[in-house]
ModelCIF file with pLDDT and N, C-alpha, C, O atoms, coordinates in Angstrom:
data_MODEL
#
_entry.id   MODEL 
#
_entity.id                         1 
_entity.type                       polymer 
_entity.pdbx_number_of_molecules   1 
#
_entity_poly.entity_id                      1 
_entity_poly.type                           'polypeptide(L)' 
_entity_poly.nstd_linkage                   no 
_entity_poly.nstd_monomer                   no 
_entity_poly.pdbx_seq_one_letter_code       FCELCRKEITMPVYGDTILSFTSEEELECIDWCRHFHWIDFHRAC 
_entity_poly.pdbx_seq_one_letter_code_can   FCELCRKEITMPVYGDTILSFTSEEELECIDWCRHFHWIDFHRAC 
_entity_poly.pdbx_strand_id                 A 
#
loop_
_entity_poly_seq.entity_id 
_entity_poly_seq.num 
_entity_poly_seq.mon_id 
_entity_poly_seq.hetero 
1 1  PHE n 
1 2  CYS n 
1 3  GLU n 
1 4  LEU n 
1 5  CYS n 
1 6  ARG n 
1 7  LYS n 
1 8  GLU n 
1 9  ILE n 
1 10 THR n 
1 11 MET n 
1 12 PRO n 
1 13 VAL n 
1 14 TYR n 
1 15 GLY n 
1 16 ASP n 
1 17 THR n 
1 18 ILE n 
1 19 LEU n 
1 20 SER n 
1 21 PHE n 
1 22 THR n 
1 23 SER n 
1 24 GLU n 
1 25 GLU n 
1 26 GLU n 
1 27 LEU n 
1 28 GLU n 
1 29 CYS n 
1 30 ILE n 
1 31 ASP n 
1 32 TRP n 
1 33 CYS n 
1 34 ARG n 
1 35 HIS n 
1 36 PHE n 
1 37 HIS n 
1 38 TRP n 
1 39 ILE n 
1 40 ASP n 
1 41 PHE n 
1 42 HIS n 
1 43 ARG n 
1 44 ALA n 
1 45 CYS n 
#
_struct_asym.id          A 
_struct_asym.entity_id   1 
#
loop_
_ma_qa_metric.id 
_ma_qa_metric.mode 
_ma_qa_metric.name 
_ma_qa_metric.software_group_id 
_ma_qa_metric.type 
1 global pLDDT . pLDDT 
2 local  pLDDT . pLDDT 
#
_ma_qa_metric_global.metric_id      1 
_ma_qa_metric_global.metric_value   88.96 
_ma_qa_metric_global.model_id       1 
_ma_qa_metric_global.ordinal_id     1 
#
loop_
_ma_qa_metric_local.label_asym_id 
_ma_qa_metric_local.label_comp_id 
_ma_qa_metric_local.label_seq_id 
_ma_qa_metric_local.metric_id 
_ma_qa_metric_local.metric_value 
_ma_qa_metric_local.model_id 
_ma_qa_metric_local.ordinal_id 
A PHE 1  2 95.00 1 1  
A CYS 2  2 92.00 1 2  
A GLU 3  2 87.00 1 3  
A LEU 4  2 87.00 1 4  
A CYS 5  2 89.00 1 5  
A ARG 6  2 92.00 1 6  
A LYS 7  2 95.00 1 7  
A GLU 8  2 97.00 1 8  
A ILE 9  2 96.00 1 9  
A THR 10 2 96.00 1 10 
A MET 11 2 95.00 1 11 
A PRO 12 2 93.00 1 12 
A VAL 13 2 90.00 1 13 
A TYR 14 2 90.00 1 14 
A GLY 15 2 86.00 1 15 
A ASP 16 2 78.00 1 16 
A THR 17 2 75.00 1 17 
A ILE 18 2 68.00 1 18 
A LEU 19 2 69.00 1 19 
A SER 20 2 77.00 1 20 
A PHE 21 2 79.00 1 21 
A THR 22 2 86.00 1 22 
A SER 23 2 88.00 1 23 
A GLU 24 2 90.00 1 24 
A GLU 25 2 88.00 1 25 
A GLU 26 2 89.00 1 26 
A LEU 27 2 91.00 1 27 
A GLU 28 2 92.00 1 28 
A CYS 29 2 91.00 1 29 
A ILE 30 2 93.00 1 30 
A ASP 31 2 92.00 1 31 
A TRP 32 2 92.00 1 32 
A CYS 33 2 94.00 1 33 
A ARG 34 2 92.00 1 34 
A HIS 35 2 90.00 1 35 
A PHE 36 2 91.00 1 36 
A HIS 37 2 93.00 1 37 
A TRP 38 2 90.00 1 38 
A ILE 39 2 88.00 1 39 
A ASP 40 2 91.00 1 40 
A PHE 41 2 91.00 1 41 
A HIS 42 2 89.00 1 42 
A ARG 43 2 90.00 1 43 
A ALA 44 2 92.00 1 44 
A CYS 45 2 94.00 1 45 
#
loop_
_atom_site.group_PDB 
_atom_site.id 
_atom_site.type_symbol 
_atom_site.label_atom_id 
_atom_site.label_alt_id 
_atom_site.label_comp_id 
_atom_site.label_asym_id 
_atom_site.label_entity_id 
_atom_site.label_seq_id 
_atom_site.pdbx_PDB_ins_code 
_atom_site.Cartn_x 
_atom_site.Cartn_y 
_atom_site.Cartn_z 
_atom_site.occupancy 
_atom_site.B_iso_or_equiv 
_atom_site.pdbx_formal_charge 
_atom_site.auth_seq_id 
_atom_site.auth_comp_id 
_atom_site.auth_asym_id 
_atom_site.auth_atom_id 
_atom_site.pdbx_PDB_model_num 
ATOM 1   N N  . PHE A 1 1  ? -1.313  6.558   -5.550  1.00 95.00 ? 1  PHE A N  1 
ATOM 2   C CA . PHE A 1 1  ? -0.376  7.541   -6.138  1.00 95.00 ? 1  PHE A CA 1 
ATOM 3   C C  . PHE A 1 1  ? 0.520   7.842   -4.976  1.00 95.00 ? 1  PHE A C  1 
ATOM 4   O O  . PHE A 1 1  ? 0.128   8.169   -3.856  1.00 95.00 ? 1  PHE A O  1 
ATOM 5   N N  . CYS A 1 2  ? 1.892   7.682   -5.400  1.00 92.00 ? 2  CYS A N  1 
ATOM 6   C CA . CYS A 1 2  ? 2.923   8.139   -4.466  1.00 92.00 ? 2  CYS A CA 1 
ATOM 7   C C  . CYS A 1 2  ? 3.299   9.732   -4.779  1.00 92.00 ? 2  CYS A C  1 
ATOM 8   O O  . CYS A 1 2  ? 3.966   10.030  -5.770  1.00 92.00 ? 2  CYS A O  1 
ATOM 9   N N  . GLU A 1 3  ? 2.864   10.604  -3.952  1.00 87.00 ? 3  GLU A N  1 
ATOM 10  C CA . GLU A 1 3  ? 3.256   12.107  -4.136  1.00 87.00 ? 3  GLU A CA 1 
ATOM 11  C C  . GLU A 1 3  ? 4.682   12.442  -4.265  1.00 87.00 ? 3  GLU A C  1 
ATOM 12  O O  . GLU A 1 3  ? 5.021   13.415  -4.937  1.00 87.00 ? 3  GLU A O  1 
ATOM 13  N N  . LEU A 1 4  ? 5.723   11.533  -3.531  1.00 87.00 ? 4  LEU A N  1 
ATOM 14  C CA . LEU A 1 4  ? 6.959   11.651  -3.502  1.00 87.00 ? 4  LEU A CA 1 
ATOM 15  C C  . LEU A 1 4  ? 7.662   11.174  -4.936  1.00 87.00 ? 4  LEU A C  1 
ATOM 16  O O  . LEU A 1 4  ? 8.333   11.971  -5.592  1.00 87.00 ? 4  LEU A O  1 
ATOM 17  N N  . CYS A 1 5  ? 7.433   9.735   -5.378  1.00 89.00 ? 5  CYS A N  1 
ATOM 18  C CA . CYS A 1 5  ? 7.825   9.315   -6.570  1.00 89.00 ? 5  CYS A CA 1 
ATOM 19  C C  . CYS A 1 5  ? 6.950   9.987   -7.826  1.00 89.00 ? 5  CYS A C  1 
ATOM 20  O O  . CYS A 1 5  ? 7.476   10.054  -8.937  1.00 89.00 ? 5  CYS A O  1 
ATOM 21  N N  . ARG A 1 6  ? 5.872   10.379  -7.649  1.00 92.00 ? 6  ARG A N  1 
ATOM 22  C CA . ARG A 1 6  ? 4.943   11.143  -8.590  1.00 92.00 ? 6  ARG A CA 1 
ATOM 23  C C  . ARG A 1 6  ? 4.728   10.212  -9.640  1.00 92.00 ? 6  ARG A C  1 
ATOM 24  O O  . ARG A 1 6  ? 5.017   10.498  -10.802 1.00 92.00 ? 6  ARG A O  1 
ATOM 25  N N  . LYS A 1 7  ? 4.160   8.935   -9.257  1.00 95.00 ? 7  LYS A N  1 
ATOM 26  C CA . LYS A 1 7  ? 3.815   7.742   -10.103 1.00 95.00 ? 7  LYS A CA 1 
ATOM 27  C C  . LYS A 1 7  ? 2.553   6.745   -9.100  1.00 95.00 ? 7  LYS A C  1 
ATOM 28  O O  . LYS A 1 7  ? 2.349   6.800   -7.887  1.00 95.00 ? 7  LYS A O  1 
ATOM 29  N N  . GLU A 1 8  ? 2.026   6.076   -9.916  1.00 97.00 ? 8  GLU A N  1 
ATOM 30  C CA . GLU A 1 8  ? 1.169   5.408   -9.432  1.00 97.00 ? 8  GLU A CA 1 
ATOM 31  C C  . GLU A 1 8  ? 1.910   3.936   -8.940  1.00 97.00 ? 8  GLU A C  1 
ATOM 32  O O  . GLU A 1 8  ? 2.696   3.322   -9.661  1.00 97.00 ? 8  GLU A O  1 
ATOM 33  N N  . ILE A 1 9  ? 1.561   3.565   -7.771  1.00 96.00 ? 9  ILE A N  1 
ATOM 34  C CA . ILE A 1 9  ? 2.233   2.408   -7.230  1.00 96.00 ? 9  ILE A CA 1 
ATOM 35  C C  . ILE A 1 9  ? 1.422   1.297   -7.035  1.00 96.00 ? 9  ILE A C  1 
ATOM 36  O O  . ILE A 1 9  ? 0.315   1.538   -6.554  1.00 96.00 ? 9  ILE A O  1 
ATOM 37  N N  . THR A 1 10 ? 1.735   -0.035  -7.326  1.00 96.00 ? 10 THR A N  1 
ATOM 38  C CA . THR A 1 10 ? 0.984   -1.088  -7.209  1.00 96.00 ? 10 THR A CA 1 
ATOM 39  C C  . THR A 1 10 ? 1.556   -2.055  -6.419  1.00 96.00 ? 10 THR A C  1 
ATOM 40  O O  . THR A 1 10 ? 2.716   -2.364  -6.694  1.00 96.00 ? 10 THR A O  1 
ATOM 41  N N  . MET A 1 11 ? 0.928   -2.686  -5.364  1.00 95.00 ? 11 MET A N  1 
ATOM 42  C CA . MET A 1 11 ? 1.431   -3.549  -4.487  1.00 95.00 ? 11 MET A CA 1 
ATOM 43  C C  . MET A 1 11 ? 0.776   -4.515  -4.146  1.00 95.00 ? 11 MET A C  1 
ATOM 44  O O  . MET A 1 11 ? -0.210  -4.290  -3.444  1.00 95.00 ? 11 MET A O  1 
ATOM 45  N N  . PRO A 1 12 ? 1.077   -5.839  -4.501  1.00 93.00 ? 12 PRO A N  1 
ATOM 46  C CA . PRO A 1 12 ? 0.284   -7.024  -4.333  1.00 93.00 ? 12 PRO A CA 1 
ATOM 47  C C  . PRO A 1 12 ? 0.326   -7.409  -2.779  1.00 93.00 ? 12 PRO A C  1 
ATOM 48  O O  . PRO A 1 12 ? 1.362   -7.266  -2.131  1.00 93.00 ? 12 PRO A O  1 
ATOM 49  N N  . VAL A 1 13 ? -0.689  -7.836  -2.297  1.00 90.00 ? 13 VAL A N  1 
ATOM 50  C CA . VAL A 1 13 ? -1.003  -8.398  -0.832  1.00 90.00 ? 13 VAL A CA 1 
ATOM 51  C C  . VAL A 1 13 ? -1.202  -9.892  -1.074  1.00 90.00 ? 13 VAL A C  1 
ATOM 52  O O  . VAL A 1 13 ? -2.019  -10.261 -1.918  1.00 90.00 ? 13 VAL A O  1 
ATOM 53  N N  . TYR A 1 14 ? -0.433  -10.830 -0.311  1.00 90.00 ? 14 TYR A N  1 
ATOM 54  C CA . TYR A 1 14 ? -0.560  -12.109 -0.502  1.00 90.00 ? 14 TYR A CA 1 
ATOM 55  C C  . TYR A 1 14 ? -1.331  -12.874 0.619   1.00 90.00 ? 14 TYR A C  1 
ATOM 56  O O  . TYR A 1 14 ? -1.244  -12.361 1.734   1.00 90.00 ? 14 TYR A O  1 
ATOM 57  N N  . GLY A 1 15 ? -2.010  -13.919 0.518   1.00 86.00 ? 15 GLY A N  1 
ATOM 58  C CA . GLY A 1 15 ? -2.744  -14.790 1.509   1.00 86.00 ? 15 GLY A CA 1 
ATOM 59  C C  . GLY A 1 15 ? -3.031  -16.232 0.992   1.00 86.00 ? 15 GLY A C  1 
ATOM 60  O O  . GLY A 1 15 ? -2.632  -16.586 -0.117  1.00 86.00 ? 15 GLY A O  1 
ATOM 61  N N  . ASP A 1 16 ? -3.644  -16.952 1.716   1.00 78.00 ? 16 ASP A N  1 
ATOM 62  C CA . ASP A 1 16 ? -3.648  -18.241 1.342   1.00 78.00 ? 16 ASP A CA 1 
ATOM 63  C C  . ASP A 1 16 ? -5.142  -18.464 0.957   1.00 78.00 ? 16 ASP A C  1 
ATOM 64  O O  . ASP A 1 16 ? -5.473  -19.603 0.626   1.00 78.00 ? 16 ASP A O  1 
ATOM 65  N N  . THR A 1 17 ? -6.110  -17.426 0.974   1.00 75.00 ? 17 THR A N  1 
ATOM 66  C CA . THR A 1 17 ? -7.463  -17.514 0.227   1.00 75.00 ? 17 THR A CA 1 
ATOM 67  C C  . THR A 1 17 ? -7.890  -16.149 -0.265  1.00 75.00 ? 17 THR A C  1 
ATOM 68  O O  . THR A 1 17 ? -7.506  -15.165 0.367   1.00 75.00 ? 17 THR A O  1 
ATOM 69  N N  . ILE A 1 18 ? -8.556  -16.019 -1.202  1.00 68.00 ? 18 ILE A N  1 
ATOM 70  C CA . ILE A 1 18 ? -9.039  -14.834 -1.806  1.00 68.00 ? 18 ILE A CA 1 
ATOM 71  C C  . ILE A 1 18 ? -10.086 -14.179 -0.921  1.00 68.00 ? 18 ILE A C  1 
ATOM 72  O O  . ILE A 1 18 ? -11.139 -14.727 -0.597  1.00 68.00 ? 18 ILE A O  1 
ATOM 73  N N  . LEU A 1 19 ? -9.709  -12.962 -0.560  1.00 69.00 ? 19 LEU A N  1 
ATOM 74  C CA . LEU A 1 19 ? -10.695 -12.089 0.476   1.00 69.00 ? 19 LEU A CA 1 
ATOM 75  C C  . LEU A 1 19 ? -11.458 -11.100 -0.313  1.00 69.00 ? 19 LEU A C  1 
ATOM 76  O O  . LEU A 1 19 ? -11.174 -10.466 -1.329  1.00 69.00 ? 19 LEU A O  1 
ATOM 77  N N  . SER A 1 20 ? -12.557 -11.150 0.476   1.00 77.00 ? 20 SER A N  1 
ATOM 78  C CA . SER A 1 20 ? -13.412 -9.756  0.001   1.00 77.00 ? 20 SER A CA 1 
ATOM 79  C C  . SER A 1 20 ? -13.519 -8.799  0.977   1.00 77.00 ? 20 SER A C  1 
ATOM 80  O O  . SER A 1 20 ? -14.295 -8.761  1.933   1.00 77.00 ? 20 SER A O  1 
ATOM 81  N N  . PHE A 1 21 ? -12.612 -7.980  0.622   1.00 79.00 ? 21 PHE A N  1 
ATOM 82  C CA . PHE A 1 21 ? -12.492 -6.672  1.547   1.00 79.00 ? 21 PHE A CA 1 
ATOM 83  C C  . PHE A 1 21 ? -13.678 -5.755  1.516   1.00 79.00 ? 21 PHE A C  1 
ATOM 84  O O  . PHE A 1 21 ? -14.248 -5.468  0.463   1.00 79.00 ? 21 PHE A O  1 
ATOM 85  N N  . THR A 1 22 ? -14.075 -5.255  2.805   1.00 86.00 ? 22 THR A N  1 
ATOM 86  C CA . THR A 1 22 ? -15.041 -4.234  2.943   1.00 86.00 ? 22 THR A CA 1 
ATOM 87  C C  . THR A 1 22 ? -14.201 -3.050  2.328   1.00 86.00 ? 22 THR A C  1 
ATOM 88  O O  . THR A 1 22 ? -13.026 -3.202  1.995   1.00 86.00 ? 22 THR A O  1 
ATOM 89  N N  . SER A 1 23 ? -14.912 -1.810  2.194   1.00 88.00 ? 23 SER A N  1 
ATOM 90  C CA . SER A 1 23 ? -14.467 -0.689  1.533   1.00 88.00 ? 23 SER A CA 1 
ATOM 91  C C  . SER A 1 23 ? -13.299 -0.072  2.824   1.00 88.00 ? 23 SER A C  1 
ATOM 92  O O  . SER A 1 23 ? -12.243 0.500   2.551   1.00 88.00 ? 23 SER A O  1 
ATOM 93  N N  . GLU A 1 24 ? -13.723 -0.312  4.022   1.00 90.00 ? 24 GLU A N  1 
ATOM 94  C CA . GLU A 1 24 ? -12.948 0.070   5.233   1.00 90.00 ? 24 GLU A CA 1 
ATOM 95  C C  . GLU A 1 24 ? -11.676 -0.523  5.258   1.00 90.00 ? 24 GLU A C  1 
ATOM 96  O O  . GLU A 1 24 ? -10.611 0.062   5.454   1.00 90.00 ? 24 GLU A O  1 
ATOM 97  N N  . GLU A 1 25 ? -11.884 -1.951  5.007   1.00 88.00 ? 25 GLU A N  1 
ATOM 98  C CA . GLU A 1 25 ? -10.558 -2.828  5.134   1.00 88.00 ? 25 GLU A CA 1 
ATOM 99  C C  . GLU A 1 25 ? -9.584  -2.553  3.778   1.00 88.00 ? 25 GLU A C  1 
ATOM 100 O O  . GLU A 1 25 ? -8.355  -2.608  3.747   1.00 88.00 ? 25 GLU A O  1 
ATOM 101 N N  . GLU A 1 26 ? -10.411 -2.272  2.784   1.00 89.00 ? 26 GLU A N  1 
ATOM 102 C CA . GLU A 1 26 ? -9.567  -1.862  1.531   1.00 89.00 ? 26 GLU A CA 1 
ATOM 103 C C  . GLU A 1 26 ? -8.796  -0.481  1.738   1.00 89.00 ? 26 GLU A C  1 
ATOM 104 O O  . GLU A 1 26 ? -7.644  -0.367  1.322   1.00 89.00 ? 26 GLU A O  1 
ATOM 105 N N  . LEU A 1 27 ? -9.376  0.449   2.316   1.00 91.00 ? 27 LEU A N  1 
ATOM 106 C CA . LEU A 1 27 ? -8.538  1.679   2.728   1.00 91.00 ? 27 LEU A CA 1 
ATOM 107 C C  . LEU A 1 27 ? -7.463  1.522   3.502   1.00 91.00 ? 27 LEU A C  1 
ATOM 108 O O  . LEU A 1 27 ? -6.411  2.135   3.324   1.00 91.00 ? 27 LEU A O  1 
ATOM 109 N N  . GLU A 1 28 ? -7.700  0.557   4.551   1.00 92.00 ? 28 GLU A N  1 
ATOM 110 C CA . GLU A 1 28 ? -6.669  0.467   5.550   1.00 92.00 ? 28 GLU A CA 1 
ATOM 111 C C  . GLU A 1 28 ? -5.525  -0.393  4.861   1.00 92.00 ? 28 GLU A C  1 
ATOM 112 O O  . GLU A 1 28 ? -4.366  -0.115  5.169   1.00 92.00 ? 28 GLU A O  1 
ATOM 113 N N  . CYS A 1 29 ? -5.754  -1.387  3.979   1.00 91.00 ? 29 CYS A N  1 
ATOM 114 C CA . CYS A 1 29 ? -4.506  -2.159  3.257   1.00 91.00 ? 29 CYS A CA 1 
ATOM 115 C C  . CYS A 1 29 ? -4.237  -1.256  2.414   1.00 91.00 ? 29 CYS A C  1 
ATOM 116 O O  . CYS A 1 29 ? -3.173  -1.655  1.941   1.00 91.00 ? 29 CYS A O  1 
ATOM 117 N N  . ILE A 1 30 ? -4.533  -0.139  1.822   1.00 93.00 ? 30 ILE A N  1 
ATOM 118 C CA . ILE A 1 30 ? -4.058  0.769   0.912   1.00 93.00 ? 30 ILE A CA 1 
ATOM 119 C C  . ILE A 1 30 ? -2.909  1.619   1.783   1.00 93.00 ? 30 ILE A C  1 
ATOM 120 O O  . ILE A 1 30 ? -1.803  1.952   1.359   1.00 93.00 ? 30 ILE A O  1 
ATOM 121 N N  . ASP A 1 31 ? -3.407  1.856   2.986   1.00 92.00 ? 31 ASP A N  1 
ATOM 122 C CA . ASP A 1 31 ? -2.661  2.932   3.898   1.00 92.00 ? 31 ASP A CA 1 
ATOM 123 C C  . ASP A 1 31 ? -1.493  2.072   4.268   1.00 92.00 ? 31 ASP A C  1 
ATOM 124 O O  . ASP A 1 31 ? -0.408  2.653   4.288   1.00 92.00 ? 31 ASP A O  1 
ATOM 125 N N  . TRP A 1 32 ? -1.509  0.778   4.569   1.00 92.00 ? 32 TRP A N  1 
ATOM 126 C CA . TRP A 1 32 ? -0.430  -0.100  4.882   1.00 92.00 ? 32 TRP A CA 1 
ATOM 127 C C  . TRP A 1 32 ? 0.527   -0.262  3.771   1.00 92.00 ? 32 TRP A C  1 
ATOM 128 O O  . TRP A 1 32 ? 1.727   -0.263  4.044   1.00 92.00 ? 32 TRP A O  1 
ATOM 129 N N  . CYS A 1 33 ? 0.058   -0.428  2.305   1.00 94.00 ? 33 CYS A N  1 
ATOM 130 C CA . CYS A 1 33 ? 0.850   -0.420  1.206   1.00 94.00 ? 33 CYS A CA 1 
ATOM 131 C C  . CYS A 1 33 ? 1.721   0.980   1.191   1.00 94.00 ? 33 CYS A C  1 
ATOM 132 O O  . CYS A 1 33 ? 2.938   0.996   1.011   1.00 94.00 ? 33 CYS A O  1 
ATOM 133 N N  . ARG A 1 34 ? 1.040   1.969   1.373   1.00 92.00 ? 34 ARG A N  1 
ATOM 134 C CA . ARG A 1 34 ? 1.491   3.191   1.251   1.00 92.00 ? 34 ARG A CA 1 
ATOM 135 C C  . ARG A 1 34 ? 2.785   3.488   2.288   1.00 92.00 ? 34 ARG A C  1 
ATOM 136 O O  . ARG A 1 34 ? 3.852   4.013   1.971   1.00 92.00 ? 34 ARG A O  1 
ATOM 137 N N  . HIS A 1 35 ? 2.410   3.034   3.531   1.00 90.00 ? 35 HIS A N  1 
ATOM 138 C CA . HIS A 1 35 ? 3.360   3.129   4.727   1.00 90.00 ? 35 HIS A CA 1 
ATOM 139 C C  . HIS A 1 35 ? 4.572   2.380   4.274   1.00 90.00 ? 35 HIS A C  1 
ATOM 140 O O  . HIS A 1 35 ? 5.614   3.029   4.177   1.00 90.00 ? 35 HIS A O  1 
ATOM 141 N N  . PHE A 1 36 ? 4.588   0.921   3.939   1.00 91.00 ? 36 PHE A N  1 
ATOM 142 C CA . PHE A 1 36 ? 5.591   0.135   3.630   1.00 91.00 ? 36 PHE A CA 1 
ATOM 143 C C  . PHE A 1 36 ? 6.399   0.592   2.483   1.00 91.00 ? 36 PHE A C  1 
ATOM 144 O O  . PHE A 1 36 ? 7.602   0.329   2.495   1.00 91.00 ? 36 PHE A O  1 
ATOM 145 N N  . HIS A 1 37 ? 5.830   1.316   1.385   1.00 93.00 ? 37 HIS A N  1 
ATOM 146 C CA . HIS A 1 37 ? 6.395   1.926   0.401   1.00 93.00 ? 37 HIS A CA 1 
ATOM 147 C C  . HIS A 1 37 ? 7.321   3.087   0.769   1.00 93.00 ? 37 HIS A C  1 
ATOM 148 O O  . HIS A 1 37 ? 8.455   3.240   0.316   1.00 93.00 ? 37 HIS A O  1 
ATOM 149 N N  . TRP A 1 38 ? 6.664   3.940   1.701   1.00 90.00 ? 38 TRP A N  1 
ATOM 150 C CA . TRP A 1 38 ? 7.548   5.228   2.143   1.00 90.00 ? 38 TRP A CA 1 
ATOM 151 C C  . TRP A 1 38 ? 8.871   4.536   2.815   1.00 90.00 ? 38 TRP A C  1 
ATOM 152 O O  . TRP A 1 38 ? 10.031  4.839   2.533   1.00 90.00 ? 38 TRP A O  1 
ATOM 153 N N  . ILE A 1 39 ? 8.435   3.484   3.822   1.00 88.00 ? 39 ILE A N  1 
ATOM 154 C CA . ILE A 1 39 ? 9.604   3.014   4.505   1.00 88.00 ? 39 ILE A CA 1 
ATOM 155 C C  . ILE A 1 39 ? 10.826  2.489   3.695   1.00 88.00 ? 39 ILE A C  1 
ATOM 156 O O  . ILE A 1 39 ? 12.013  2.600   4.001   1.00 88.00 ? 39 ILE A O  1 
ATOM 157 N N  . ASP A 1 40 ? 10.230  1.833   2.487   1.00 91.00 ? 40 ASP A N  1 
ATOM 158 C CA . ASP A 1 40 ? 11.447  1.315   1.650   1.00 91.00 ? 40 ASP A CA 1 
ATOM 159 C C  . ASP A 1 40 ? 12.093  2.122   0.727   1.00 91.00 ? 40 ASP A C  1 
ATOM 160 O O  . ASP A 1 40 ? 13.236  1.846   0.361   1.00 91.00 ? 40 ASP A O  1 
ATOM 161 N N  . PHE A 1 41 ? 11.420  3.202   0.260   1.00 91.00 ? 41 PHE A N  1 
ATOM 162 C CA . PHE A 1 41 ? 11.849  4.140   -0.730  1.00 91.00 ? 41 PHE A CA 1 
ATOM 163 C C  . PHE A 1 41 ? 11.909  5.633   -0.455  1.00 91.00 ? 41 PHE A C  1 
ATOM 164 O O  . PHE A 1 41 ? 12.369  6.392   -1.308  1.00 91.00 ? 41 PHE A O  1 
ATOM 165 N N  . HIS A 1 42 ? 11.474  6.058   0.666   1.00 89.00 ? 42 HIS A N  1 
ATOM 166 C CA . HIS A 1 42 ? 11.411  7.527   1.178   1.00 89.00 ? 42 HIS A CA 1 
ATOM 167 C C  . HIS A 1 42 ? 11.886  7.823   2.461   1.00 89.00 ? 42 HIS A C  1 
ATOM 168 O O  . HIS A 1 42 ? 12.130  9.011   2.677   1.00 89.00 ? 42 HIS A O  1 
ATOM 169 N N  . ARG A 1 43 ? 12.110  6.866   3.532   1.00 90.00 ? 43 ARG A N  1 
ATOM 170 C CA . ARG A 1 43 ? 12.343  7.089   4.789   1.00 90.00 ? 43 ARG A CA 1 
ATOM 171 C C  . ARG A 1 43 ? 13.883  7.561   4.712   1.00 90.00 ? 43 ARG A C  1 
ATOM 172 O O  . ARG A 1 43 ? 14.812  6.753   4.722   1.00 90.00 ? 43 ARG A O  1 
ATOM 173 N N  . ALA A 1 44 ? 14.043  8.893   4.637   1.00 92.00 ? 44 ALA A N  1 
ATOM 174 C CA . ALA A 1 44 ? 15.477  9.404   4.618   1.00 92.00 ? 44 ALA A CA 1 
ATOM 175 C C  . ALA A 1 44 ? 15.705  9.988   5.826   1.00 92.00 ? 44 ALA A C  1 
ATOM 176 O O  . ALA A 1 44 ? 14.834  10.188  6.673   1.00 92.00 ? 44 ALA A O  1 
ATOM 177 N N  . CYS A 1 45 ? 17.171  10.341  5.952   1.00 94.00 ? 45 CYS A N  1 
ATOM 178 C CA . CYS A 1 45 ? 17.691  10.883  7.266   1.00 94.00 ? 45 CYS A CA 1 
ATOM 179 C C  . CYS A 1 45 ? 17.517  12.210  7.311   1.00 94.00 ? 45 CYS A C  1 
ATOM 180 O O  . CYS A 1 45 ? 17.875  12.846  8.303   1.00 94.00 ? 45 CYS A O  1 
#
């Protein structure tokens, strides 16, 4: 959930094989998704 957009964000992650993420890796992936969403849509002057 993006607090700034006030909506649920879904971001696909691509790779060459299906991965089985641990819960820790899943949280890290979501953090990266949130980070890049912020850069693209909310990094303001």
